[in-house]
Amino acid sequence: MAGLFIVQQKWLSDFTEHRFVVLVAVHYLFYG
């Protein structure tokens, strides 16, 4: 159970990081 929780946390952090990169890219596309 703990292992699953760690994997979930890792996936969540990876997803959030990816979304941040996408938001920055979109920002530069429109305002850069």
PDB file of N, CA and C in Angstrom:
ATOM      1  N   MET A   1       0.829  -1.201   0.000  1.00  0.00           N
ATOM      2  CA  MET A   1       0.000   0.000   0.000  1.00  0.00           C
ATOM      3  C   MET A   1       0.872   1.263   0.000  1.00  0.00           C
ATOM      4  N   ALA A   2       1.900   1.254   0.834  1.00  0.00           N
ATOM      5  CA  ALA A   2       2.791   2.421   0.905  1.00  0.00           C
ATOM      6  C   ALA A   2       3.498   2.640  -0.430  1.00  0.00           C
ATOM      7  N   GLY A   3       3.889   1.529  -1.079  1.00  0.00           N
ATOM      8  CA  GLY A   3       4.564   1.630  -2.376  1.00  0.00           C
ATOM      9  C   GLY A   3       3.666   2.285  -3.416  1.00  0.00           C
ATOM     10  N   LEU A   4       2.393   1.894  -3.389  1.00  0.00           N
ATOM     11  CA  LEU A   4       1.423   2.462  -4.325  1.00  0.00           C
ATOM     12  C   LEU A   4       1.269   3.958  -4.091  1.00  0.00           C
ATOM     13  N   PHE A   5       1.248   4.340  -2.812  1.00  0.00           N
ATOM     14  CA  PHE A   5       1.112   5.754  -2.456  1.00  0.00           C
ATOM     15  C   PHE A   5       2.294   6.553  -2.990  1.00  0.00           C
ATOM     16  N   ILE A   6       3.512   5.986  -2.857  1.00  0.00           N
ATOM     17  CA  ILE A   6       4.723   6.668  -3.335  1.00  0.00           C
ATOM     18  C   ILE A   6       4.667   6.827  -4.854  1.00  0.00           C
ATOM     19  N   VAL A   7       4.249   5.766  -5.538  1.00  0.00           N
ATOM     20  CA  VAL A   7       4.139   5.828  -7.002  1.00  0.00           C
ATOM     21  C   VAL A   7       3.132   6.899  -7.409  1.00  0.00           C
ATOM     22  N   GLN A   8       2.015   6.951  -6.676  1.00  0.00           N
ATOM     23  CA  GLN A   8       0.974   7.935  -6.980  1.00  0.00           C
ATOM     24  C   GLN A   8       1.499   9.354  -6.791  1.00  0.00           C
ATOM     25  N   GLN A   9       2.242   9.570  -5.706  1.00  0.00           N
ATOM     26  CA  GLN A   9       2.809  10.888  -5.438  1.00  0.00           C
ATOM     27  C   GLN A   9       3.783  11.281  -6.547  1.00  0.00           C
ATOM     28  N   LYS A  10       4.612  10.320  -6.989  1.00  0.00           N
ATOM     29  CA  LYS A  10       5.586  10.583  -8.052  1.00  0.00           C
ATOM     30  C   LYS A  10       4.852  10.960  -9.335  1.00  0.00           C
ATOM     31  N   TRP A  11       3.803  10.178  -9.680  1.00  0.00           N
ATOM     32  CA  TRP A  11       3.043  10.443 -10.895  1.00  0.00           C
ATOM     33  C   TRP A  11       2.409  11.825 -10.829  1.00  0.00           C
ATOM     34  N   LEU A  12       1.867  12.155  -9.647  1.00  0.00           N
ATOM     35  CA  LEU A  12       1.202  13.443  -9.473  1.00  0.00           C
ATOM     36  C   LEU A  12       2.188  14.588  -9.647  1.00  0.00           C
ATOM     37  N   SER A  13       3.393  14.446  -9.081  1.00  0.00           N
ATOM     38  CA  SER A  13       4.399  15.507  -9.183  1.00  0.00           C
ATOM     39  C   SER A  13       4.882  15.634 -10.625  1.00  0.00           C
ATOM     40  N   ASP A  14       5.046  14.493 -11.323  1.00  0.00           N
ATOM     41  CA  ASP A  14       5.448  14.526 -12.729  1.00  0.00           C
ATOM     42  C   ASP A  14       4.384  15.226 -13.562  1.00  0.00           C
ATOM     43  N   PHE A  15       3.115  14.915 -13.300  1.00  0.00           N
ATOM     44  CA  PHE A  15       2.009  15.515 -14.041  1.00  0.00           C
ATOM     45  C   PHE A  15       1.961  17.019 -13.811  1.00  0.00           C
ATOM     46  N   THR A  16       2.123  17.430 -12.561  1.00  0.00           N
ATOM     47  CA  THR A  16       2.078  18.856 -12.225  1.00  0.00           C
ATOM     48  C   THR A  16       3.232  19.590 -12.889  1.00  0.00           C
ATOM     49  N   GLU A  17       4.410  18.970 -12.880  1.00  0.00           N
ATOM     50  CA  GLU A  17       5.579  19.570 -13.510  1.00  0.00           C
ATOM     51  C   GLU A  17       5.328  19.749 -15.009  1.00  0.00           C
ATOM     52  N   HIS A  18       4.783  18.714 -15.645  1.00  0.00           N
ATOM     53  CA  HIS A  18       4.509  18.748 -17.076  1.00  0.00           C
ATOM     54  C   HIS A  18       3.506  19.854 -17.397  1.00  0.00           C
ATOM     55  N   ARG A  19       2.480  19.958 -16.559  1.00  0.00           N
ATOM     56  CA  ARG A  19       1.460  20.979 -16.793  1.00  0.00           C
ATOM     57  C   ARG A  19       2.061  22.371 -16.670  1.00  0.00           C
ATOM     58  N   PHE A  20       2.986  22.545 -15.719  1.00  0.00           N
ATOM     59  CA  PHE A  20       3.650  23.834 -15.536  1.00  0.00           C
ATOM     60  C   PHE A  20       4.450  24.201 -16.784  1.00  0.00           C
ATOM     61  N   VAL A  21       5.168  23.221 -17.336  1.00  0.00           N
ATOM     62  CA  VAL A  21       5.957  23.455 -18.548  1.00  0.00           C
ATOM     63  C   VAL A  21       5.046  23.855 -19.702  1.00  0.00           C
ATOM     64  N   VAL A  22       3.909  23.179 -19.820  1.00  0.00           N
ATOM     65  CA  VAL A  22       2.955  23.502 -20.883  1.00  0.00           C
ATOM     66  C   VAL A  22       2.418  24.920 -20.709  1.00  0.00           C
ATOM     67  N   LEU A  23       2.092  25.283 -19.478  1.00  0.00           N
ATOM     68  CA  LEU A  23       1.571  26.630 -19.220  1.00  0.00           C
ATOM     69  C   LEU A  23       2.593  27.694 -19.583  1.00  0.00           C
ATOM     70  N   VAL A  24       3.864  27.452 -19.253  1.00  0.00           N
ATOM     71  CA  VAL A  24       4.927  28.403 -19.590  1.00  0.00           C
ATOM     72  C   VAL A  24       5.067  28.512 -21.102  1.00  0.00           C
ATOM     73  N   ALA A  25       5.015  27.378 -21.788  1.00  0.00           N
ATOM     74  CA  ALA A  25       5.138  27.377 -23.251  1.00  0.00           C
ATOM     75  C   ALA A  25       3.994  28.163 -23.891  1.00  0.00           C
ATOM     76  N   VAL A  26       2.780  27.950 -23.403  1.00  0.00           N
ATOM     77  CA  VAL A  26       1.613  28.668 -23.929  1.00  0.00           C
ATOM     78  C   VAL A  26       1.748  30.164 -23.659  1.00  0.00           C
ATOM     79  N   HIS A  27       2.232  30.498 -22.462  1.00  0.00           N
ATOM     80  CA  HIS A  27       2.418  31.898 -22.096  1.00  0.00           C
ATOM     81  C   HIS A  27       3.383  32.583 -23.062  1.00  0.00           C
ATOM     82  N   TYR A  28       4.508  31.933 -23.335  1.00  0.00           N
ATOM     83  CA  TYR A  28       5.484  32.522 -24.251  1.00  0.00           C
ATOM     84  C   TYR A  28       4.938  32.588 -25.670  1.00  0.00           C
ATOM     85  N   LEU A  29       4.120  31.616 -26.045  1.00  0.00           N
ATOM     86  CA  LEU A  29       3.529  31.596 -27.378  1.00  0.00           C
ATOM     87  C   LEU A  29       2.663  32.838 -27.590  1.00  0.00           C
ATOM     88  N   PHE A  30       1.865  33.186 -26.569  1.00  0.00           N
ATOM     89  CA  PHE A  30       0.923  34.290 -26.707  1.00  0.00           C
ATOM     90  C   PHE A  30       1.525  35.645 -26.356  1.00  0.00           C
ATOM     91  N   TYR A  31       2.407  35.662 -25.339  1.00  0.00           N
ATOM     92  CA  TYR A  31       2.907  36.944 -24.837  1.00  0.00           C
ATOM     93  C   TYR A  31       4.376  37.175 -25.132  1.00  0.00           C
ATOM     94  N   GLY A  32       5.062  36.149 -25.655  1.00  0.00           N
ATOM     95  CA  GLY A  32       6.491  36.279 -25.940  1.00  0.00           C
ATOM     96  C   GLY A  32       6.652  37.088 -27.186  1.00  0.00           C
TER      97      GLY A  32
END
